[in-house]
Amino acid sequence: MRSMLKKYVRGCLALALAVCLFGPCPAEASTTLQFSDFSSDETPPGDLTAIVTFTVDDSKLIIEINNTSAYHIAQLYFNTDESLTDLDFSTSPNPDWTISGSGASQEERADGFGLFNWLIDFGSGDSRLDAEITTLALNMPGNTSESIIGNKFSVIPPGDRPAIAAMKFEAGPNGDSAFGATNTVVPLPSTCLLLASGLLGLVAVRSEDFKKD
């Protein structure tokens, strides 16, 4: 009876592990971009820093912008698949903030980094983003997954460099302004990999228990 129980437990663990490793896994909850890899001029890229996280929640796109620089952020450029056809603010943001663009074409130009699908413009003066965390809630029509965000490079006119997202940084030290861009997607631990690791650990523990019996 004890032998049958051991085989049953081992079989269940093996099945769960196989499903986790080889079966379909849920998509990551968000995409996080780390700025800045590049600068559009002589401004050091390391001065143009920010962390931008895109999270899809049903028909909402939540964008969290953490401005860690000594600049104001005036604009955010990013790319998506063409399946994202429209974006608009779902809450009442600053009236100077605007969204333009389309997932179907890259026409929003960030100097030095080419053309992007989308541009969120924060205006000028006090409406720009200071060194703090700002959260935007946007409406998205249709069924859209977070995998469409930050998944392709900008279109490159002659002389420009490719990037997956760009920002316009303004009013920095000595009044400096520049475009900063990134190709860095911050990796998130996969839920399936974490679960698989846990199951492997459980298998090891149970094996040791069985040996002691």
N, C-alpha and C. Protein backbone atom coordinates (compact mmCIF):
# COMPACT_ATOMS: atom_id res chain seq x y z
N MET A 1 0.83 -1.20 0.00
CA MET A 1 0.00 0.00 0.00
C MET A 1 0.88 1.26 0.00
N ARG A 2 1.93 1.24 0.86
CA ARG A 2 2.84 2.38 0.93
C ARG A 2 3.57 2.58 -0.39
N SER A 3 3.93 1.48 -1.02
CA SER A 3 4.61 1.56 -2.32
C SER A 3 3.72 2.19 -3.37
N MET A 4 2.44 1.82 -3.38
CA MET A 4 1.48 2.40 -4.33
C MET A 4 1.31 3.89 -4.09
N LEU A 5 1.31 4.29 -2.81
CA LEU A 5 1.16 5.71 -2.48
C LEU A 5 2.36 6.51 -2.98
N LYS A 6 3.55 5.94 -2.82
CA LYS A 6 4.75 6.60 -3.30
C LYS A 6 4.68 6.82 -4.81
N LYS A 7 4.26 5.77 -5.54
CA LYS A 7 4.17 5.87 -7.00
C LYS A 7 3.14 6.91 -7.40
N TYR A 8 2.03 6.96 -6.65
CA TYR A 8 0.97 7.92 -6.98
C TYR A 8 1.47 9.36 -6.79
N VAL A 9 2.13 9.61 -5.67
CA VAL A 9 2.65 10.96 -5.40
C VAL A 9 3.67 11.36 -6.45
N ARG A 10 4.58 10.46 -6.78
CA ARG A 10 5.59 10.74 -7.78
C ARG A 10 4.96 11.01 -9.15
N GLY A 11 3.93 10.24 -9.47
CA GLY A 11 3.25 10.44 -10.76
C GLY A 11 2.58 11.79 -10.85
N CYS A 12 1.93 12.21 -9.75
CA CYS A 12 1.26 13.51 -9.74
C CYS A 12 2.26 14.64 -9.88
N LEU A 13 3.37 14.54 -9.17
CA LEU A 13 4.40 15.57 -9.26
C LEU A 13 5.00 15.63 -10.65
N ALA A 14 5.25 14.47 -11.25
CA ALA A 14 5.82 14.43 -12.60
C ALA A 14 4.86 15.03 -13.61
N LEU A 15 3.55 14.73 -13.48
CA LEU A 15 2.55 15.28 -14.40
C LEU A 15 2.47 16.80 -14.27
N ALA A 16 2.43 17.30 -13.03
CA ALA A 16 2.36 18.74 -12.81
C ALA A 16 3.59 19.43 -13.37
N LEU A 17 4.76 18.80 -13.18
CA LEU A 17 6.00 19.38 -13.68
C LEU A 17 6.01 19.43 -15.21
N ALA A 18 5.54 18.37 -15.84
CA ALA A 18 5.50 18.33 -17.31
C ALA A 18 4.57 19.39 -17.87
N VAL A 19 3.41 19.56 -17.25
CA VAL A 19 2.46 20.58 -17.71
C VAL A 19 3.06 21.96 -17.57
N CYS A 20 3.76 22.17 -16.45
CA CYS A 20 4.35 23.48 -16.20
C CYS A 20 5.48 23.79 -17.16
N LEU A 21 6.31 22.78 -17.46
CA LEU A 21 7.46 23.02 -18.32
C LEU A 21 7.10 23.07 -19.79
N PHE A 22 6.14 22.24 -20.21
CA PHE A 22 5.89 22.10 -21.65
C PHE A 22 4.50 22.57 -22.07
N GLY A 23 3.62 22.83 -21.12
CA GLY A 23 2.28 23.28 -21.48
C GLY A 23 2.24 24.77 -21.65
N PRO A 24 1.07 25.31 -22.03
CA PRO A 24 0.93 26.76 -22.22
C PRO A 24 1.05 27.49 -20.89
N CYS A 25 1.77 28.63 -20.92
CA CYS A 25 1.94 29.43 -19.71
C CYS A 25 1.28 30.79 -19.91
N PRO A 26 0.78 31.38 -18.84
CA PRO A 26 0.20 32.72 -18.97
C PRO A 26 1.26 33.74 -19.32
N ALA A 27 0.87 34.78 -20.03
CA ALA A 27 1.81 35.84 -20.40
C ALA A 27 2.23 36.62 -19.16
N GLU A 28 3.35 37.30 -19.29
CA GLU A 28 3.80 38.14 -18.19
C GLU A 28 2.78 39.24 -17.96
N ALA A 29 2.71 39.72 -16.74
CA ALA A 29 1.72 40.73 -16.38
C ALA A 29 2.07 42.10 -16.94
N SER A 30 3.35 42.33 -17.23
CA SER A 30 3.73 43.66 -17.66
C SER A 30 5.05 43.62 -18.42
N THR A 31 5.33 44.74 -19.08
CA THR A 31 6.60 44.94 -19.77
C THR A 31 7.26 46.19 -19.18
N THR A 32 8.50 46.05 -18.72
CA THR A 32 9.20 47.18 -18.10
C THR A 32 10.41 47.55 -18.94
N LEU A 33 10.53 48.83 -19.26
CA LEU A 33 11.65 49.35 -20.03
C LEU A 33 12.52 50.22 -19.14
N GLN A 34 13.83 50.03 -19.27
CA GLN A 34 14.80 50.78 -18.45
C GLN A 34 15.51 51.80 -19.34
N PHE A 35 15.34 53.08 -19.02
CA PHE A 35 16.04 54.15 -19.74
C PHE A 35 17.30 54.53 -18.97
N SER A 36 18.42 54.88 -19.60
CA SER A 36 18.50 55.21 -21.00
C SER A 36 19.78 54.60 -21.57
N ASP A 37 19.65 53.96 -22.71
CA ASP A 37 20.81 53.40 -23.40
C ASP A 37 21.48 54.43 -24.31
N PHE A 38 20.69 55.38 -24.82
CA PHE A 38 21.19 56.30 -25.84
C PHE A 38 20.75 57.73 -25.54
N SER A 39 21.53 58.68 -26.08
CA SER A 39 21.17 60.09 -26.03
C SER A 39 21.23 60.64 -27.46
N SER A 40 20.37 61.63 -27.74
CA SER A 40 20.33 62.20 -29.08
C SER A 40 21.44 63.21 -29.33
N ASP A 41 22.15 63.62 -28.28
CA ASP A 41 23.24 64.58 -28.46
C ASP A 41 24.37 64.26 -27.50
N GLU A 42 25.15 65.24 -27.11
CA GLU A 42 26.31 64.99 -26.25
C GLU A 42 25.93 64.76 -24.79
N THR A 43 24.65 64.90 -24.44
CA THR A 43 24.20 64.61 -23.08
C THR A 43 24.49 63.15 -22.74
N PRO A 44 25.13 62.86 -21.61
CA PRO A 44 25.40 61.46 -21.25
C PRO A 44 24.10 60.66 -21.12
N PRO A 45 24.02 59.50 -21.76
CA PRO A 45 22.81 58.68 -21.64
C PRO A 45 22.45 58.36 -20.19
N GLY A 46 23.49 58.23 -19.35
CA GLY A 46 23.25 57.91 -17.95
C GLY A 46 22.54 59.01 -17.18
N ASP A 47 22.45 60.21 -17.77
CA ASP A 47 21.70 61.30 -17.12
C ASP A 47 20.22 61.25 -17.46
N LEU A 48 19.86 60.49 -18.50
CA LEU A 48 18.49 60.45 -19.00
C LEU A 48 17.84 59.15 -18.54
N THR A 49 17.53 59.07 -17.26
CA THR A 49 17.10 57.80 -16.67
C THR A 49 15.63 57.83 -16.29
N ALA A 50 14.98 56.69 -16.52
CA ALA A 50 13.58 56.50 -16.13
C ALA A 50 13.26 55.02 -16.25
N ILE A 51 12.20 54.61 -15.58
CA ILE A 51 11.69 53.24 -15.69
C ILE A 51 10.22 53.35 -16.09
N VAL A 52 9.87 52.68 -17.18
CA VAL A 52 8.49 52.73 -17.68
C VAL A 52 7.93 51.31 -17.72
N THR A 53 6.80 51.11 -17.05
CA THR A 53 6.16 49.80 -17.02
C THR A 53 4.79 49.88 -17.67
N PHE A 54 4.57 49.01 -18.66
CA PHE A 54 3.28 48.90 -19.36
C PHE A 54 2.57 47.65 -18.83
N THR A 55 1.35 47.82 -18.33
CA THR A 55 0.58 46.70 -17.82
C THR A 55 -0.79 46.67 -18.48
N VAL A 56 -1.15 45.52 -19.04
CA VAL A 56 -2.46 45.35 -19.66
C VAL A 56 -3.43 44.76 -18.64
N ASP A 57 -4.54 45.42 -18.43
CA ASP A 57 -5.58 44.96 -17.51
C ASP A 57 -6.91 45.02 -18.24
N ASP A 58 -7.30 43.88 -18.83
CA ASP A 58 -8.50 43.82 -19.67
C ASP A 58 -8.40 44.85 -20.79
N SER A 59 -9.29 45.83 -20.81
CA SER A 59 -9.28 46.82 -21.89
C SER A 59 -8.53 48.09 -21.49
N LYS A 60 -7.75 48.02 -20.42
CA LYS A 60 -6.99 49.17 -19.96
C LYS A 60 -5.49 48.92 -20.15
N LEU A 61 -4.78 49.97 -20.52
CA LEU A 61 -3.32 49.96 -20.54
C LEU A 61 -2.85 50.91 -19.44
N ILE A 62 -2.18 50.36 -18.44
CA ILE A 62 -1.66 51.16 -17.34
C ILE A 62 -0.17 51.41 -17.60
N ILE A 63 0.22 52.67 -17.66
CA ILE A 63 1.62 53.03 -17.87
C ILE A 63 2.13 53.74 -16.62
N GLU A 64 3.13 53.14 -15.98
CA GLU A 64 3.76 53.76 -14.82
C GLU A 64 5.12 54.30 -15.23
N ILE A 65 5.32 55.59 -15.05
CA ILE A 65 6.57 56.26 -15.44
C ILE A 65 7.27 56.74 -14.17
N ASN A 66 8.44 56.19 -13.92
CA ASN A 66 9.24 56.60 -12.78
C ASN A 66 10.41 57.43 -13.31
N ASN A 67 10.30 58.73 -13.19
CA ASN A 67 11.35 59.64 -13.66
C ASN A 67 12.44 59.73 -12.60
N THR A 68 13.58 59.09 -12.89
CA THR A 68 14.69 59.08 -11.93
C THR A 68 15.80 60.04 -12.33
N SER A 69 15.51 60.94 -13.25
CA SER A 69 16.50 61.88 -13.75
C SER A 69 16.35 63.25 -13.09
N ALA A 70 17.26 64.16 -13.43
CA ALA A 70 17.17 65.55 -12.96
C ALA A 70 16.46 66.42 -13.98
N TYR A 71 15.75 65.79 -14.92
CA TYR A 71 15.04 66.48 -16.00
C TYR A 71 13.53 66.36 -15.81
N HIS A 72 12.79 67.16 -16.57
CA HIS A 72 11.36 66.96 -16.75
C HIS A 72 11.17 66.07 -17.97
N ILE A 73 10.18 65.17 -17.92
CA ILE A 73 9.85 64.34 -19.08
C ILE A 73 8.70 65.01 -19.83
N ALA A 74 8.94 65.34 -21.09
CA ALA A 74 7.94 66.05 -21.89
C ALA A 74 7.18 65.12 -22.84
N GLN A 75 7.82 64.03 -23.27
CA GLN A 75 7.19 63.14 -24.26
C GLN A 75 7.64 61.70 -24.04
N LEU A 76 6.74 60.77 -24.36
CA LEU A 76 7.05 59.34 -24.35
C LEU A 76 6.65 58.74 -25.68
N TYR A 77 7.59 58.07 -26.35
CA TYR A 77 7.37 57.39 -27.62
C TYR A 77 7.52 55.88 -27.40
N PHE A 78 6.60 55.09 -27.96
CA PHE A 78 6.74 53.64 -27.84
C PHE A 78 6.06 52.95 -29.01
N ASN A 79 6.36 51.67 -29.17
CA ASN A 79 5.85 50.86 -30.29
C ASN A 79 4.93 49.75 -29.80
N THR A 80 4.00 49.37 -30.66
CA THR A 80 3.12 48.23 -30.38
C THR A 80 2.83 47.51 -31.70
N ASP A 81 2.15 46.36 -31.58
CA ASP A 81 1.64 45.71 -32.78
C ASP A 81 0.50 46.53 -33.36
N GLU A 82 0.19 46.25 -34.62
CA GLU A 82 -0.88 47.01 -35.28
C GLU A 82 -2.26 46.66 -34.72
N SER A 83 -2.34 45.59 -33.91
CA SER A 83 -3.64 45.24 -33.33
C SER A 83 -4.14 46.28 -32.33
N LEU A 84 -3.22 47.11 -31.83
CA LEU A 84 -3.64 48.20 -30.94
C LEU A 84 -4.01 49.40 -31.81
N THR A 85 -5.30 49.59 -32.00
CA THR A 85 -5.77 50.58 -32.97
C THR A 85 -6.03 51.96 -32.38
N ASP A 86 -6.22 52.02 -31.06
CA ASP A 86 -6.57 53.32 -30.49
C ASP A 86 -6.19 53.36 -29.02
N LEU A 87 -5.86 54.55 -28.56
CA LEU A 87 -5.57 54.80 -27.15
C LEU A 87 -6.17 56.13 -26.75
N ASP A 88 -6.77 56.19 -25.56
CA ASP A 88 -7.20 57.47 -25.02
C ASP A 88 -7.20 57.39 -23.50
N PHE A 89 -7.13 58.53 -22.85
CA PHE A 89 -7.07 58.56 -21.40
C PHE A 89 -8.41 58.12 -20.81
N SER A 90 -8.38 57.17 -19.87
CA SER A 90 -9.62 56.72 -19.24
C SER A 90 -9.92 57.50 -17.97
N THR A 91 -8.94 58.23 -17.47
CA THR A 91 -9.17 59.11 -16.33
C THR A 91 -8.97 60.55 -16.81
N SER A 92 -9.15 61.51 -15.95
CA SER A 92 -9.01 62.91 -16.34
C SER A 92 -7.61 63.40 -15.98
N PRO A 93 -6.68 63.32 -16.94
CA PRO A 93 -5.32 63.76 -16.66
C PRO A 93 -5.20 65.27 -16.83
N ASN A 94 -3.97 65.75 -16.81
CA ASN A 94 -3.72 67.15 -17.10
C ASN A 94 -4.27 67.48 -18.49
N PRO A 95 -5.02 68.58 -18.65
CA PRO A 95 -5.62 68.89 -19.95
C PRO A 95 -4.59 69.15 -21.05
N ASP A 96 -3.35 69.39 -20.68
CA ASP A 96 -2.31 69.62 -21.69
C ASP A 96 -1.73 68.32 -22.24
N TRP A 97 -2.07 67.18 -21.64
CA TRP A 97 -1.55 65.91 -22.10
C TRP A 97 -2.35 65.40 -23.30
N THR A 98 -1.65 64.86 -24.30
CA THR A 98 -2.32 64.36 -25.50
C THR A 98 -1.71 63.02 -25.92
N ILE A 99 -2.50 62.24 -26.66
CA ILE A 99 -2.03 60.97 -27.24
C ILE A 99 -2.25 61.04 -28.74
N SER A 100 -1.24 60.65 -29.50
CA SER A 100 -1.39 60.57 -30.95
C SER A 100 -0.68 59.32 -31.46
N GLY A 101 -1.09 58.87 -32.65
CA GLY A 101 -0.44 57.72 -33.25
C GLY A 101 -1.39 56.60 -33.57
N SER A 102 -0.82 55.46 -33.96
CA SER A 102 -1.60 54.29 -34.36
C SER A 102 -0.68 53.08 -34.34
N GLY A 103 -1.26 51.92 -34.01
CA GLY A 103 -0.48 50.70 -34.08
C GLY A 103 -0.20 50.26 -35.50
N ALA A 104 -0.95 50.82 -36.45
CA ALA A 104 -0.83 50.40 -37.84
C ALA A 104 0.28 51.11 -38.59
N SER A 105 0.77 52.23 -38.06
CA SER A 105 1.82 52.97 -38.78
C SER A 105 2.73 53.68 -37.79
N GLN A 106 3.98 53.83 -38.17
CA GLN A 106 4.95 54.53 -37.34
C GLN A 106 5.21 55.90 -37.95
N GLU A 107 4.60 56.92 -37.35
CA GLU A 107 4.70 58.27 -37.89
C GLU A 107 5.12 59.31 -36.85
N GLU A 108 5.29 58.88 -35.58
CA GLU A 108 5.63 59.83 -34.52
C GLU A 108 7.15 59.89 -34.39
N ARG A 109 7.74 61.03 -34.73
CA ARG A 109 9.20 61.14 -34.82
C ARG A 109 9.83 61.62 -33.52
N ALA A 110 10.79 60.83 -33.02
CA ALA A 110 11.65 61.21 -31.90
C ALA A 110 13.03 61.50 -32.47
N ASP A 111 13.47 62.75 -32.41
CA ASP A 111 14.71 63.14 -33.07
C ASP A 111 15.88 62.24 -32.66
N GLY A 112 16.54 61.69 -33.66
CA GLY A 112 17.67 60.81 -33.43
C GLY A 112 17.33 59.35 -33.32
N PHE A 113 16.03 59.03 -33.16
CA PHE A 113 15.65 57.64 -32.93
C PHE A 113 14.51 57.17 -33.82
N GLY A 114 14.21 57.91 -34.85
CA GLY A 114 13.27 57.42 -35.86
C GLY A 114 11.81 57.65 -35.54
N LEU A 115 10.97 56.81 -36.13
CA LEU A 115 9.52 56.97 -36.07
C LEU A 115 8.90 55.85 -35.23
N PHE A 116 7.94 56.22 -34.39
CA PHE A 116 7.29 55.29 -33.47
C PHE A 116 5.79 55.23 -33.74
N ASN A 117 5.13 54.21 -33.15
CA ASN A 117 3.69 54.09 -33.29
C ASN A 117 2.93 55.14 -32.48
N TRP A 118 3.39 55.39 -31.26
CA TRP A 118 2.61 56.21 -30.33
C TRP A 118 3.45 57.29 -29.69
N LEU A 119 2.81 58.43 -29.45
CA LEU A 119 3.42 59.54 -28.74
C LEU A 119 2.44 60.04 -27.67
N ILE A 120 2.91 60.06 -26.42
CA ILE A 120 2.17 60.73 -25.35
C ILE A 120 2.94 62.00 -25.04
N ASP A 121 2.29 63.14 -25.25
CA ASP A 121 2.91 64.45 -25.07
C ASP A 121 2.39 65.07 -23.78
N PHE A 122 3.30 65.43 -22.88
CA PHE A 122 2.92 65.99 -21.58
C PHE A 122 2.96 67.51 -21.57
N GLY A 123 3.09 68.11 -22.74
CA GLY A 123 3.02 69.56 -22.84
C GLY A 123 4.31 70.23 -22.38
N SER A 124 4.17 71.40 -21.80
CA SER A 124 5.33 72.19 -21.39
C SER A 124 5.12 72.71 -19.97
N GLY A 125 6.15 73.37 -19.45
CA GLY A 125 6.02 73.97 -18.13
C GLY A 125 5.71 72.96 -17.04
N ASP A 126 4.80 73.32 -16.16
CA ASP A 126 4.48 72.49 -15.00
C ASP A 126 3.71 71.21 -15.36
N SER A 127 3.21 71.08 -16.58
CA SER A 127 2.47 69.88 -16.95
C SER A 127 3.39 68.70 -17.25
N ARG A 128 4.68 68.97 -17.44
CA ARG A 128 5.65 67.90 -17.68
C ARG A 128 5.85 67.07 -16.41
N LEU A 129 6.40 65.87 -16.58
CA LEU A 129 6.57 64.96 -15.45
C LEU A 129 7.85 65.28 -14.69
N ASP A 130 7.71 65.48 -13.39
CA ASP A 130 8.87 65.74 -12.54
C ASP A 130 9.52 64.42 -12.12
N ALA A 131 10.52 64.51 -11.25
CA ALA A 131 11.22 63.32 -10.76
C ALA A 131 10.35 62.62 -9.72
N GLU A 132 9.39 61.87 -10.21
CA GLU A 132 8.46 61.14 -9.35
C GLU A 132 7.79 60.06 -10.18
N ILE A 133 6.91 59.27 -9.56
CA ILE A 133 6.19 58.22 -10.28
C ILE A 133 4.83 58.76 -10.72
N THR A 134 4.56 58.63 -12.01
CA THR A 134 3.28 59.04 -12.58
C THR A 134 2.61 57.83 -13.22
N THR A 135 1.33 57.62 -12.93
CA THR A 135 0.60 56.48 -13.47
C THR A 135 -0.50 56.97 -14.41
N LEU A 136 -0.50 56.43 -15.63
CA LEU A 136 -1.51 56.78 -16.64
C LEU A 136 -2.41 55.58 -16.86
N ALA A 137 -3.71 55.82 -16.94
CA ALA A 137 -4.68 54.78 -17.26
C ALA A 137 -5.28 55.09 -18.63
N LEU A 138 -5.08 54.20 -19.59
CA LEU A 138 -5.53 54.43 -20.96
C LEU A 138 -6.53 53.37 -21.38
N ASN A 139 -7.52 53.78 -22.17
CA ASN A 139 -8.47 52.85 -22.76
C ASN A 139 -7.88 52.21 -24.00
N MET A 140 -8.10 50.91 -24.16
CA MET A 140 -7.69 50.17 -25.37
C MET A 140 -8.89 49.40 -25.89
N PRO A 141 -9.23 49.56 -27.16
CA PRO A 141 -10.32 48.76 -27.71
C PRO A 141 -9.83 47.36 -28.07
N GLY A 142 -10.74 46.41 -28.02
CA GLY A 142 -10.40 45.06 -28.49
C GLY A 142 -9.67 44.24 -27.45
N ASN A 143 -9.30 43.04 -27.87
CA ASN A 143 -8.58 42.11 -27.01
C ASN A 143 -7.10 42.29 -27.22
N THR A 144 -6.41 42.86 -26.29
CA THR A 144 -5.00 43.18 -26.48
C THR A 144 -4.20 42.57 -25.34
N SER A 145 -3.05 41.98 -25.65
CA SER A 145 -2.20 41.41 -24.62
C SER A 145 -0.98 42.29 -24.41
N GLU A 146 -0.34 42.12 -23.24
CA GLU A 146 0.83 42.95 -22.94
C GLU A 146 2.00 42.64 -23.85
N SER A 147 1.96 41.49 -24.55
CA SER A 147 3.07 41.11 -25.42
C SER A 147 3.20 42.03 -26.63
N ILE A 148 2.18 42.85 -26.90
CA ILE A 148 2.27 43.76 -28.04
C ILE A 148 3.09 45.00 -27.73
N ILE A 149 3.39 45.25 -26.44
CA ILE A 149 4.07 46.48 -26.04
C ILE A 149 5.58 46.29 -26.07
N GLY A 150 6.29 47.28 -26.63
CA GLY A 150 7.74 47.25 -26.61
C GLY A 150 8.34 46.07 -27.32
N ASN A 151 7.75 45.68 -28.45
CA ASN A 151 8.18 44.45 -29.12
C ASN A 151 8.82 44.67 -30.49
N LYS A 152 9.04 45.92 -30.86
CA LYS A 152 9.68 46.16 -32.16
C LYS A 152 10.42 47.49 -32.14
N PHE A 153 11.35 47.61 -33.09
CA PHE A 153 12.17 48.81 -33.18
C PHE A 153 11.46 49.91 -33.95
N SER A 154 11.90 51.12 -33.72
CA SER A 154 11.40 52.26 -34.49
C SER A 154 11.84 52.15 -35.94
N VAL A 155 11.07 52.79 -36.83
CA VAL A 155 11.47 52.92 -38.23
C VAL A 155 12.59 53.95 -38.29
N ILE A 156 13.63 53.65 -39.07
CA ILE A 156 14.83 54.49 -39.04
C ILE A 156 15.01 55.29 -40.32
N PRO A 157 14.71 56.58 -40.29
CA PRO A 157 15.10 57.44 -41.41
C PRO A 157 16.64 57.53 -41.46
N PRO A 158 17.20 58.01 -42.54
CA PRO A 158 18.67 58.09 -42.65
C PRO A 158 19.31 58.82 -41.48
N GLY A 159 20.32 58.18 -40.91
CA GLY A 159 21.08 58.82 -39.84
C GLY A 159 20.57 58.56 -38.44
N ASP A 160 19.39 57.95 -38.29
CA ASP A 160 18.85 57.68 -36.96
C ASP A 160 19.22 56.29 -36.46
N ARG A 161 19.10 56.08 -35.14
CA ARG A 161 19.39 54.79 -34.53
C ARG A 161 18.09 54.11 -34.11
N PRO A 162 18.02 52.78 -34.20
CA PRO A 162 16.79 52.09 -33.79
C PRO A 162 16.62 52.09 -32.27
N ALA A 163 15.38 52.09 -31.81
CA ALA A 163 15.08 52.01 -30.38
C ALA A 163 13.68 51.44 -30.22
N ILE A 164 13.39 50.85 -29.08
CA ILE A 164 12.04 50.34 -28.84
C ILE A 164 11.18 51.37 -28.11
N ALA A 165 11.81 52.39 -27.53
CA ALA A 165 11.07 53.48 -26.90
C ALA A 165 12.00 54.67 -26.74
N ALA A 166 11.41 55.85 -26.66
CA ALA A 166 12.21 57.08 -26.50
C ALA A 166 11.44 58.06 -25.63
N MET A 167 12.18 59.00 -25.05
CA MET A 167 11.59 60.06 -24.25
C MET A 167 12.27 61.37 -24.56
N LYS A 168 11.52 62.46 -24.42
CA LYS A 168 12.11 63.77 -24.50
C LYS A 168 12.29 64.31 -23.10
N PHE A 169 13.55 64.52 -22.71
CA PHE A 169 13.90 65.06 -21.40
C PHE A 169 14.20 66.54 -21.56
N GLU A 170 13.57 67.38 -20.72
CA GLU A 170 13.73 68.82 -20.84
C GLU A 170 14.09 69.47 -19.50
N ALA A 171 14.64 70.70 -19.61
CA ALA A 171 14.91 71.56 -18.45
C ALA A 171 15.74 70.86 -17.40
N GLY A 172 16.85 70.24 -17.86
CA GLY A 172 17.77 69.60 -16.93
C GLY A 172 18.82 70.57 -16.44
N PRO A 173 19.93 70.06 -15.93
CA PRO A 173 21.02 70.93 -15.46
C PRO A 173 21.46 71.91 -16.54
N ASN A 174 21.58 73.16 -16.17
CA ASN A 174 21.96 74.24 -17.10
C ASN A 174 20.99 74.37 -18.27
N GLY A 175 19.73 73.97 -18.05
CA GLY A 175 18.71 74.10 -19.09
C GLY A 175 18.84 73.09 -20.21
N ASP A 176 19.62 72.01 -20.00
CA ASP A 176 19.85 71.02 -21.05
C ASP A 176 18.57 70.24 -21.36
N SER A 177 18.40 69.88 -22.64
CA SER A 177 17.31 69.03 -23.10
C SER A 177 17.86 68.04 -24.12
N ALA A 178 17.29 66.83 -24.15
CA ALA A 178 17.74 65.81 -25.10
C ALA A 178 16.71 64.70 -25.17
N PHE A 179 16.75 63.95 -26.26
CA PHE A 179 15.97 62.73 -26.37
C PHE A 179 16.81 61.58 -25.81
N GLY A 180 16.21 60.75 -24.98
CA GLY A 180 16.85 59.53 -24.52
C GLY A 180 16.07 58.35 -25.04
N ALA A 181 16.75 57.25 -25.32
CA ALA A 181 16.07 56.07 -25.87
C ALA A 181 16.60 54.81 -25.23
N THR A 182 15.82 53.73 -25.36
CA THR A 182 16.21 52.46 -24.75
C THR A 182 15.89 51.28 -25.65
N ASN A 183 16.71 50.25 -25.52
CA ASN A 183 16.42 48.92 -26.08
C ASN A 183 16.43 47.88 -24.97
N THR A 184 16.37 48.34 -23.73
CA THR A 184 16.48 47.44 -22.58
C THR A 184 15.12 47.10 -22.01
N VAL A 185 14.72 45.84 -22.13
CA VAL A 185 13.51 45.33 -21.50
C VAL A 185 13.94 44.59 -20.24
N VAL A 186 13.41 45.01 -19.09
CA VAL A 186 13.79 44.39 -17.83
C VAL A 186 13.12 43.03 -17.74
N PRO A 187 13.91 41.94 -17.62
CA PRO A 187 13.30 40.60 -17.57
C PRO A 187 12.55 40.38 -16.28
N LEU A 188 11.38 39.74 -16.39
CA LEU A 188 10.59 39.39 -15.22
C LEU A 188 10.66 37.88 -15.03
N PRO A 189 10.72 37.39 -13.80
CA PRO A 189 10.74 35.94 -13.60
C PRO A 189 9.44 35.33 -14.09
N SER A 190 9.56 34.27 -14.89
CA SER A 190 8.39 33.60 -15.43
C SER A 190 7.65 32.85 -14.34
N THR A 191 6.35 33.03 -14.29
CA THR A 191 5.53 32.31 -13.31
C THR A 191 5.71 30.81 -13.45
N CYS A 192 5.76 30.33 -14.70
CA CYS A 192 5.90 28.90 -14.92
C CYS A 192 7.25 28.39 -14.45
N LEU A 193 8.30 29.16 -14.72
CA LEU A 193 9.62 28.73 -14.29
C LEU A 193 9.72 28.68 -12.77
N LEU A 194 9.12 29.67 -12.11
CA LEU A 194 9.13 29.66 -10.66
C LEU A 194 8.38 28.45 -10.11
N LEU A 195 7.22 28.14 -10.71
CA LEU A 195 6.44 26.99 -10.27
C LEU A 195 7.19 25.70 -10.53
N ALA A 196 7.84 25.63 -11.69
CA ALA A 196 8.61 24.44 -12.03
C ALA A 196 9.73 24.22 -11.03
N SER A 197 10.42 25.31 -10.65
CA SER A 197 11.50 25.21 -9.67
C SER A 197 10.97 24.68 -8.34
N GLY A 198 9.80 25.19 -7.96
CA GLY A 198 9.20 24.72 -6.71
C GLY A 198 8.85 23.25 -6.76
N LEU A 199 8.31 22.81 -7.90
CA LEU A 199 7.96 21.40 -8.04
C LEU A 199 9.18 20.50 -8.03
N LEU A 200 10.24 20.97 -8.69
CA LEU A 200 11.49 20.20 -8.67
C LEU A 200 12.01 20.05 -7.24
N GLY A 201 11.92 21.13 -6.47
CA GLY A 201 12.34 21.06 -5.09
C GLY A 201 11.49 20.10 -4.28
N LEU A 202 10.17 20.12 -4.54
CA LEU A 202 9.27 19.21 -3.84
C LEU A 202 9.56 17.77 -4.19
N VAL A 203 9.84 17.50 -5.48
CA VAL A 203 10.20 16.15 -5.90
C VAL A 203 11.43 15.68 -5.16
N ALA A 204 12.43 16.56 -5.04
CA ALA A 204 13.67 16.19 -4.36
C ALA A 204 13.41 15.87 -2.89
N VAL A 205 12.60 16.70 -2.23
CA VAL A 205 12.30 16.48 -0.82
C VAL A 205 11.55 15.18 -0.62
N ARG A 206 10.56 14.92 -1.45
CA ARG A 206 9.78 13.69 -1.32
C ARG A 206 10.64 12.46 -1.57
N SER A 207 11.57 12.57 -2.53
CA SER A 207 12.46 11.45 -2.82
C SER A 207 13.29 11.11 -1.59
N GLU A 208 13.78 12.15 -0.91
CA GLU A 208 14.57 11.91 0.30
C GLU A 208 13.72 11.29 1.40
N ASP A 209 12.45 11.75 1.51
CA ASP A 209 11.55 11.17 2.51
C ASP A 209 11.32 9.69 2.25
N PHE A 210 11.13 9.35 0.96
CA PHE A 210 10.86 7.97 0.62
C PHE A 210 12.07 7.08 0.92
N LYS A 211 13.26 7.63 0.70
CA LYS A 211 14.47 6.86 0.98
C LYS A 211 14.60 6.55 2.47
N LYS A 212 14.12 7.46 3.32
CA LYS A 212 14.22 7.26 4.75
C LYS A 212 13.21 6.24 5.26
N ASP A 213 12.10 6.08 4.50
CA ASP A 213 11.04 5.17 4.94
C ASP A 213 11.48 3.70 4.88
